[in-house]
Amino acid sequence: MRHTMRLYLVALVALSLVAVGCSQAAPAPTPTKAAAQPAKAAEPTKAAAPQATAAPAKKVDYPTKGKVLNIIVPYAAGGGGDLTGRLLAASLEKELGITVEVLNKAGGGGQVGITELAKAKPDGYTIGFTNMPHTIPVYLDPERKAAFGRKDLQPLANVVSDPVAIIAKKGGPYNTLKDLVEAAKTNPKKVKITGSGLLNPSHIATLLLQKEAGVEFSYVVYDQQGEQRAALLGGHMDAEAGPVSEIAQSVKAGDCIALAVLDKEESKYLPGAKTADAQGFKVNVASARGVSAPAAVPKEIIELLDKAIGKVMDLEDTKKKQDELMLVPRYMNTAAYTAYWDGLEKDVQPLIELSKQK
């Protein structure tokens, strides 16, 4: 992630944990890149309804006993994406009756892992996470020179949504989202919001809030989530944007306060935190965590995996574990996830170059 970007994005489907003390100021970690320019905003795009399938799939010898199903998580261990992957793996292992392993393939904002997924043997024993919206710019942006395209990936299902929230250091100058916005109006480009990457939900949330509020923030990226939290608690950042599952612990610990939840509903994991909508800013952004397979996997196996994922996501035990991880279950089957992805791609494509303008 080496360049500054400017973007707006369609808010997503109404779709690590580091607790650092804040009693003393910490030295500022070195940011890798900063970016913050508002982009044109639009209303959220909702996933299309599931479409009816044609004929029932023929029987296939899948899964075969003794085989291993690998789930590629294109992010480092410990974050929300990794936790989602491990929860799904444990549930599918019981359902399918074979070993299911998580393979963390971090790098390039997901590009390394998704490239490996797209090029994997299409036998149904390698699937992986293709989270939205940040999977789409990986292959649409020509500067990233991705070795795969949309045609190389077969959407399977979306499993959870992780809404973005904006937090600030407790005891600091910001107690509401309005406080942060007013500061940005008075000092354009001086109010710093940190996030985990460019063109990911945290960055998109910042850009859409800029557009909605008519202000300009400075968006600062660090290599590690722990670094950005330390920068916030050390007073080097004014706010942090991130998925609820990755920031709620610091709020519960009393280190931070939640300025807003960027979802249509308040989050039970951040009690008392108002939505951005309720504070006059219509911004809704979440990380939609879905799973895909290499494009050439037989449709019979795709249907079987989709059915298995849908079944385990509806289990009470799975829901309980999701709740423990502060993840919101929002399942979409293959048809719905495919329609959602393709619709979102149409919105993102014309904005790649716009996001790069100075």
Protein backbone atom coordinates (compact mmCIF):
# COMPACT_ATOMS: atom_id res chain seq x y z
CA MET A 1 0.00 0.00 0.00
CA ARG A 2 2.20 2.76 -1.21
CA HIS A 3 0.06 5.42 -2.68
CA THR A 4 -2.46 7.99 -1.67
CA MET A 5 -5.96 7.36 -2.75
CA ARG A 6 -9.16 9.17 -2.98
CA LEU A 7 -12.39 7.34 -3.26
CA TYR A 8 -16.00 7.00 -2.53
CA LEU A 9 -17.65 3.65 -2.38
CA VAL A 10 -21.04 2.21 -2.04
CA ALA A 11 -21.69 1.26 1.57
CA LEU A 12 -21.93 -2.46 2.04
CA VAL A 13 -24.33 -5.07 3.12
CA ALA A 14 -25.92 -4.16 6.45
CA LEU A 15 -22.09 -6.24 6.35
CA SER A 16 -5.79 -8.17 16.48
CA LEU A 17 -7.87 -7.25 19.09
CA VAL A 18 -5.41 -4.99 20.85
CA ALA A 19 -5.94 -3.45 24.25
CA VAL A 20 -3.25 -0.88 24.97
CA GLY A 21 -3.19 1.26 28.07
CA CYS A 22 -3.46 4.98 27.57
CA SER A 23 -2.18 6.33 30.82
CA GLN A 24 1.03 7.53 29.16
CA ALA A 25 1.73 8.85 25.70
CA ALA A 26 3.51 6.40 23.41
CA PRO A 27 6.08 7.39 20.77
CA ALA A 28 4.61 7.70 17.31
CA PRO A 29 5.04 4.60 15.10
CA THR A 30 6.18 5.40 11.58
CA PRO A 31 3.23 5.40 9.15
CA THR A 32 3.68 3.78 5.78
CA LYS A 33 1.38 6.12 3.86
CA ALA A 34 -1.20 8.82 4.27
CA ALA A 35 -4.21 9.49 2.11
CA ALA A 36 -7.35 11.52 2.44
CA GLN A 37 -9.38 13.12 -0.29
CA PRO A 38 -13.17 12.98 -0.47
CA ALA A 39 -14.86 11.15 -3.28
CA LYS A 40 -18.35 11.21 -4.65
CA ALA A 41 -20.78 9.35 -2.43
CA ALA A 42 -23.80 7.27 -3.31
CA GLU A 43 -26.52 5.31 -1.62
CA PRO A 44 -25.69 1.80 -0.39
CA THR A 45 -26.16 -1.09 -2.80
CA LYS A 46 -28.01 -4.05 -1.38
CA ALA A 47 -27.43 -7.65 -2.41
CA ALA A 48 -29.84 -9.05 -4.96
CA ALA A 49 -32.22 -11.79 -3.88
CA PRO A 50 -31.11 -15.39 -4.43
CA GLN A 51 -31.93 -16.71 -7.88
CA ALA A 52 -33.45 -20.10 -8.52
CA THR A 53 -31.08 -22.78 -9.80
CA ALA A 54 -31.90 -24.78 -12.89
CA ALA A 55 -31.64 -28.56 -12.47
CA PRO A 56 -30.55 -30.44 -9.34
CA ALA A 57 -26.85 -31.23 -9.27
CA LYS A 58 -25.66 -34.74 -10.00
CA LYS A 59 -24.01 -36.80 -7.28
CA VAL A 60 -20.27 -36.32 -6.86
CA ASP A 61 -17.68 -38.10 -4.73
CA TYR A 62 -17.07 -35.09 -2.51
CA PRO A 63 -15.72 -34.69 0.04
CA THR A 64 -13.46 -37.74 -0.01
CA LYS A 65 -12.42 -39.13 3.36
CA GLY A 66 -8.78 -38.41 4.11
CA LYS A 67 -8.65 -35.28 1.98
CA VAL A 68 -8.02 -31.83 3.49
CA LEU A 69 -10.04 -28.71 2.70
CA ASN A 70 -7.82 -25.62 2.82
CA ILE A 71 -9.33 -22.19 3.51
CA ILE A 72 -7.02 -19.37 2.44
CA VAL A 73 -7.26 -16.26 4.60
CA PRO A 74 -5.42 -13.48 2.71
CA TYR A 75 -4.64 -11.60 5.92
CA ALA A 76 -2.41 -12.08 8.94
CA ALA A 77 -3.46 -14.17 11.92
CA GLY A 78 -5.34 -12.49 14.74
CA GLY A 79 -7.53 -10.01 12.87
CA GLY A 80 -11.25 -10.15 12.23
CA GLY A 81 -10.80 -11.89 8.86
CA ASP A 82 -8.63 -14.59 10.40
CA LEU A 83 -11.04 -15.17 13.28
CA THR A 84 -13.93 -15.49 10.82
CA GLY A 85 -11.93 -18.02 8.79
CA ARG A 86 -11.09 -20.16 11.82
CA LEU A 87 -14.69 -20.18 12.99
CA LEU A 88 -15.88 -21.31 9.55
CA ALA A 89 -13.15 -23.95 9.36
CA ALA A 90 -14.10 -25.51 12.69
CA SER A 91 -17.78 -25.62 11.73
CA LEU A 92 -17.19 -27.06 8.25
CA GLU A 93 -14.87 -29.73 9.60
CA LYS A 94 -17.74 -31.16 11.65
CA GLU A 95 -20.23 -30.84 8.81
CA LEU A 96 -18.08 -32.32 6.02
CA GLY A 97 -16.31 -34.95 8.10
CA ILE A 98 -12.84 -34.10 6.78
CA THR A 99 -9.95 -31.99 8.05
CA VAL A 100 -10.31 -28.27 7.33
CA GLU A 101 -7.24 -26.06 7.72
CA VAL A 102 -6.77 -22.28 7.62
CA LEU A 103 -3.82 -21.00 5.59
CA ASN A 104 -2.85 -17.38 6.29
CA LYS A 105 -1.40 -15.86 3.10
CA ALA A 106 -1.03 -12.19 3.96
CA GLY A 107 0.41 -9.50 1.72
CA GLY A 108 -0.56 -6.82 -0.76
CA GLY A 109 -3.84 -5.97 0.93
CA GLY A 110 -5.13 -9.47 0.23
CA GLN A 111 -3.57 -9.78 -3.23
CA VAL A 112 -1.09 -12.53 -2.33
CA GLY A 113 -3.68 -14.87 -0.84
CA ILE A 114 -6.40 -14.26 -3.41
CA THR A 115 -3.90 -14.84 -6.23
CA GLU A 116 -3.07 -18.24 -4.72
CA LEU A 117 -6.78 -18.99 -4.42
CA ALA A 118 -7.50 -18.09 -8.05
CA LYS A 119 -4.65 -20.31 -9.27
CA ALA A 120 -5.39 -23.26 -6.98
CA LYS A 121 -6.37 -26.67 -8.36
CA PRO A 122 -10.14 -26.52 -9.02
CA ASP A 123 -11.00 -29.73 -7.20
CA GLY A 124 -13.02 -28.17 -4.36
CA TYR A 125 -10.32 -28.64 -1.74
CA THR A 126 -9.09 -25.04 -1.78
CA ILE A 127 -11.41 -22.15 -1.03
CA GLY A 128 -10.64 -18.74 0.40
CA PHE A 129 -11.92 -15.42 1.65
CA THR A 130 -12.71 -12.70 -0.87
CA ASN A 131 -13.87 -9.92 1.43
CA MET A 132 -15.72 -6.93 0.06
CA PRO A 133 -15.03 -4.23 -0.88
CA HIS A 134 -11.26 -4.61 -0.84
CA THR A 135 -11.05 -7.67 -3.13
CA ILE A 136 -12.47 -5.75 -6.08
CA PRO A 137 -9.82 -3.00 -6.46
CA VAL A 138 -7.09 -5.66 -6.27
CA TYR A 139 -7.91 -6.90 -9.77
CA LEU A 140 -9.57 -3.78 -11.21
CA ASP A 141 -6.69 -1.41 -10.52
CA PRO A 142 -4.19 -1.86 -13.40
CA GLU A 143 -1.37 -0.50 -11.25
CA ARG A 144 -1.62 -3.54 -8.98
CA LYS A 145 -0.97 -5.87 -11.94
CA ALA A 146 -3.04 -8.69 -10.49
CA ALA A 147 -2.46 -12.12 -12.00
CA PHE A 148 -6.18 -12.89 -11.80
CA GLY A 149 -9.51 -11.32 -12.65
CA ARG A 150 -13.13 -11.70 -11.66
CA LYS A 151 -13.51 -14.57 -14.14
CA ASP A 152 -10.96 -16.61 -12.18
CA LEU A 153 -13.06 -16.66 -9.00
CA GLN A 154 -16.35 -18.39 -8.22
CA PRO A 155 -18.25 -16.78 -5.32
CA LEU A 156 -19.48 -19.32 -2.78
CA ALA A 157 -21.19 -17.51 0.08
CA ASN A 158 -20.97 -14.53 2.38
CA VAL A 159 -20.84 -15.45 6.04
CA VAL A 160 -20.64 -12.38 8.27
CA SER A 161 -20.65 -8.59 8.28
CA ASP A 162 -18.36 -6.50 10.46
CA PRO A 163 -19.54 -2.87 10.59
CA VAL A 164 -16.97 -0.08 10.79
CA ALA A 165 -16.90 2.18 13.83
CA ILE A 166 -14.89 5.32 14.60
CA ILE A 167 -13.20 5.57 17.99
CA ALA A 168 -11.13 8.17 19.83
CA LYS A 169 -8.93 8.15 22.91
CA LYS A 170 -10.93 8.44 26.12
CA GLY A 171 -10.33 11.77 27.84
CA GLY A 172 -9.34 13.44 24.58
CA PRO A 173 -11.01 16.38 22.83
CA TYR A 174 -13.54 14.25 20.91
CA ASN A 175 -16.66 12.82 22.51
CA THR A 176 -18.98 12.69 19.48
CA LEU A 177 -18.66 12.34 15.74
CA LYS A 178 -19.75 15.95 15.45
CA ASP A 179 -16.74 16.99 17.55
CA LEU A 180 -14.41 15.28 15.08
CA VAL A 181 -16.15 16.80 12.07
CA GLU A 182 -16.14 20.30 13.55
CA ALA A 183 -12.42 20.03 14.22
CA ALA A 184 -11.86 19.02 10.58
CA LYS A 185 -13.88 22.02 9.39
CA THR A 186 -11.71 24.34 11.45
CA ASN A 187 -8.45 22.60 10.47
CA PRO A 188 -8.73 21.00 7.01
CA LYS A 189 -6.44 17.99 6.52
CA LYS A 190 -5.09 18.36 10.06
CA VAL A 191 -7.40 15.92 11.85
CA LYS A 192 -5.81 12.48 11.53
CA ILE A 193 -7.79 9.26 11.23
CA THR A 194 -5.85 6.00 11.17
CA GLY A 195 -6.91 2.74 9.55
CA SER A 196 -5.49 -0.60 8.47
CA GLY A 197 -5.20 0.00 4.73
CA LEU A 198 -6.19 1.82 1.58
CA LEU A 199 -9.40 1.03 -0.29
CA ASN A 200 -10.54 -1.12 2.60
CA PRO A 201 -13.65 -0.45 4.73
CA SER A 202 -11.78 1.83 7.15
CA HIS A 203 -10.52 4.04 4.33
CA ILE A 204 -13.87 4.00 2.57
CA ALA A 205 -15.61 5.01 5.78
CA THR A 206 -13.25 7.98 6.13
CA LEU A 207 -13.78 9.07 2.53
CA LEU A 208 -17.56 8.79 2.69
CA LEU A 209 -17.65 10.71 5.96
CA GLN A 210 -15.55 13.43 4.33
CA LYS A 211 -17.99 13.69 1.45
CA GLU A 212 -21.06 13.61 3.67
CA ALA A 213 -19.72 16.21 6.12
CA GLY A 214 -17.93 18.39 3.57
CA VAL A 215 -14.56 18.15 5.31
CA GLU A 216 -11.09 16.75 4.66
CA PHE A 217 -9.30 14.41 7.02
CA SER A 218 -5.77 13.09 6.88
CA TYR A 219 -5.98 9.30 6.61
CA VAL A 220 -2.88 7.53 7.95
CA VAL A 221 -2.01 3.87 7.42
CA TYR A 222 0.26 1.72 9.61
CA ASP A 223 1.66 -1.71 8.79
CA GLN A 224 0.13 -3.33 11.87
CA GLN A 225 -3.20 -2.80 13.62
CA GLY A 226 -1.37 -2.65 16.93
CA GLU A 227 0.69 0.29 15.67
CA GLN A 228 -2.35 2.32 14.75
CA ARG A 229 -3.95 1.66 18.14
CA ALA A 230 -0.74 2.71 19.89
CA ALA A 231 -0.65 5.87 17.78
CA LEU A 232 -4.23 6.67 18.76
CA LEU A 233 -3.70 6.06 22.45
CA GLY A 234 -0.40 7.91 22.37
CA GLY A 235 -2.14 11.03 21.10
CA HIS A 236 -0.53 10.94 17.66
CA MET A 237 -3.84 10.20 15.90
CA ASP A 238 -7.18 11.90 16.50
CA ALA A 239 -9.36 8.89 15.69
CA GLU A 240 -9.31 5.36 14.35
CA ALA A 241 -11.69 3.71 11.89
CA GLY A 242 -11.98 -0.07 12.05
CA PRO A 243 -14.29 -3.08 12.21
CA VAL A 244 -16.28 -3.36 15.43
CA SER A 245 -14.78 -6.78 16.18
CA GLU A 246 -11.28 -5.27 16.19
CA ILE A 247 -11.91 -2.12 18.20
CA ALA A 248 -14.59 -3.00 20.74
CA GLN A 249 -12.14 -4.42 23.28
CA SER A 250 -10.36 -1.08 23.69
CA VAL A 251 -13.71 0.58 24.26
CA LYS A 252 -14.75 -2.03 26.83
CA ALA A 253 -11.39 -1.68 28.55
CA GLY A 254 -12.01 2.04 28.96
CA ASP A 255 -9.09 3.12 26.78
CA CYS A 256 -11.26 4.52 23.97
CA ILE A 257 -14.74 5.82 23.30
CA ALA A 258 -16.86 5.04 20.25
CA LEU A 259 -17.79 8.18 18.32
CA ALA A 260 -20.08 6.37 15.86
CA VAL A 261 -21.10 3.03 14.40
CA LEU A 262 -21.33 3.17 10.60
CA ASP A 263 -24.27 0.84 10.27
CA LYS A 264 -28.03 1.25 10.05
CA GLU A 265 -28.37 -0.20 13.54
CA GLU A 266 -26.46 0.36 16.76
CA SER A 267 -24.03 -2.40 17.74
CA LYS A 268 -24.65 -4.39 20.90
CA TYR A 269 -20.88 -4.70 21.16
CA LEU A 270 -20.56 -0.92 21.57
CA PRO A 271 -23.44 -0.12 23.92
CA GLY A 272 -24.45 3.52 23.91
CA ALA A 273 -22.63 4.34 20.68
CA LYS A 274 -24.95 6.07 18.21
CA THR A 275 -24.97 5.37 14.50
CA ALA A 276 -23.55 7.96 12.15
CA ASP A 277 -27.04 8.27 10.65
CA ALA A 278 -28.48 9.21 14.04
CA GLN A 279 -25.87 11.96 14.30
CA GLY A 280 -26.75 13.45 10.93
CA PHE A 281 -24.18 11.71 8.73
CA LYS A 282 -25.58 9.08 6.35
CA VAL A 283 -22.59 6.76 6.16
CA ASN A 284 -22.90 2.97 6.38
CA VAL A 285 -19.83 0.81 5.77
CA ALA A 286 -19.00 -2.77 6.75
CA SER A 287 -16.56 -5.52 5.86
CA ALA A 288 -18.53 -8.23 4.08
CA ARG A 289 -16.61 -11.46 4.66
CA GLY A 290 -17.32 -14.01 1.99
CA VAL A 291 -15.77 -17.16 0.57
CA SER A 292 -14.94 -18.09 -3.03
CA ALA A 293 -13.39 -20.95 -4.99
CA PRO A 294 -11.32 -21.17 -8.18
CA ALA A 295 -13.63 -20.59 -11.13
CA ALA A 296 -13.34 -24.08 -12.66
CA VAL A 297 -14.59 -25.99 -9.61
CA PRO A 298 -17.53 -28.18 -10.79
CA LYS A 299 -20.91 -26.66 -10.04
CA GLU A 300 -21.98 -29.79 -8.15
CA ILE A 301 -19.19 -29.19 -5.63
CA ILE A 302 -19.99 -25.48 -5.46
CA GLU A 303 -23.61 -26.30 -4.62
CA LEU A 304 -22.57 -28.83 -2.01
CA LEU A 305 -20.16 -26.38 -0.34
CA ASP A 306 -22.73 -23.58 -0.46
CA LYS A 307 -25.29 -25.82 1.21
CA ALA A 308 -22.79 -26.87 3.87
CA ILE A 309 -21.79 -23.27 4.62
CA GLY A 310 -25.42 -22.21 4.87
CA LYS A 311 -26.16 -25.07 7.24
CA VAL A 312 -23.26 -24.42 9.63
CA MET A 313 -23.88 -20.68 9.67
CA ASP A 314 -27.40 -21.38 10.95
CA LEU A 315 -26.26 -23.59 13.83
CA GLU A 316 -26.77 -22.21 17.32
CA ASP A 317 -23.22 -23.16 18.26
CA THR A 318 -21.85 -21.16 15.31
CA LYS A 319 -24.00 -18.18 16.19
CA LYS A 320 -22.81 -18.34 19.79
CA LYS A 321 -19.17 -18.32 18.70
CA GLN A 322 -19.82 -15.47 16.27
CA ASP A 323 -21.31 -13.53 19.12
CA GLU A 324 -18.23 -14.17 21.25
CA LEU A 325 -16.09 -12.79 18.41
CA MET A 326 -18.43 -9.80 18.01
CA LEU A 327 -19.29 -10.73 14.43
CA VAL A 328 -22.69 -10.08 12.85
CA PRO A 329 -24.01 -13.13 10.92
CA ARG A 330 -25.16 -12.09 7.45
CA TYR A 331 -25.27 -15.15 5.23
CA MET A 332 -25.74 -14.92 1.45
CA ASN A 333 -25.86 -18.05 -0.67
CA THR A 334 -23.96 -18.44 -3.95
CA ALA A 335 -26.57 -16.72 -6.09
CA ALA A 336 -27.02 -13.76 -3.76
CA TYR A 337 -23.29 -13.34 -3.10
CA THR A 338 -22.53 -13.49 -6.84
CA ALA A 339 -25.17 -10.86 -7.63
CA TYR A 340 -23.94 -8.65 -4.79
CA TRP A 341 -20.31 -8.90 -5.93
CA ASP A 342 -21.03 -8.21 -9.60
CA GLY A 343 -23.27 -5.27 -8.77
CA LEU A 344 -20.65 -3.77 -6.49
CA GLU A 345 -17.96 -4.21 -9.14
CA LYS A 346 -19.93 -2.06 -11.56
CA ASP A 347 -19.94 0.73 -9.01
CA VAL A 348 -16.26 0.43 -8.13
CA GLN A 349 -14.79 0.18 -11.62
CA PRO A 350 -15.20 3.80 -12.77
CA LEU A 351 -13.84 5.09 -9.49
CA ILE A 352 -10.37 3.52 -9.54
CA GLU A 353 -8.75 6.40 -11.45
CA LEU A 354 -10.82 9.00 -9.63
CA SER A 355 -9.44 7.74 -6.33
CA LYS A 356 -5.89 8.48 -7.48
CA GLN A 357 -6.40 12.10 -8.38
CA LYS A 358 -4.44 14.52 -6.22
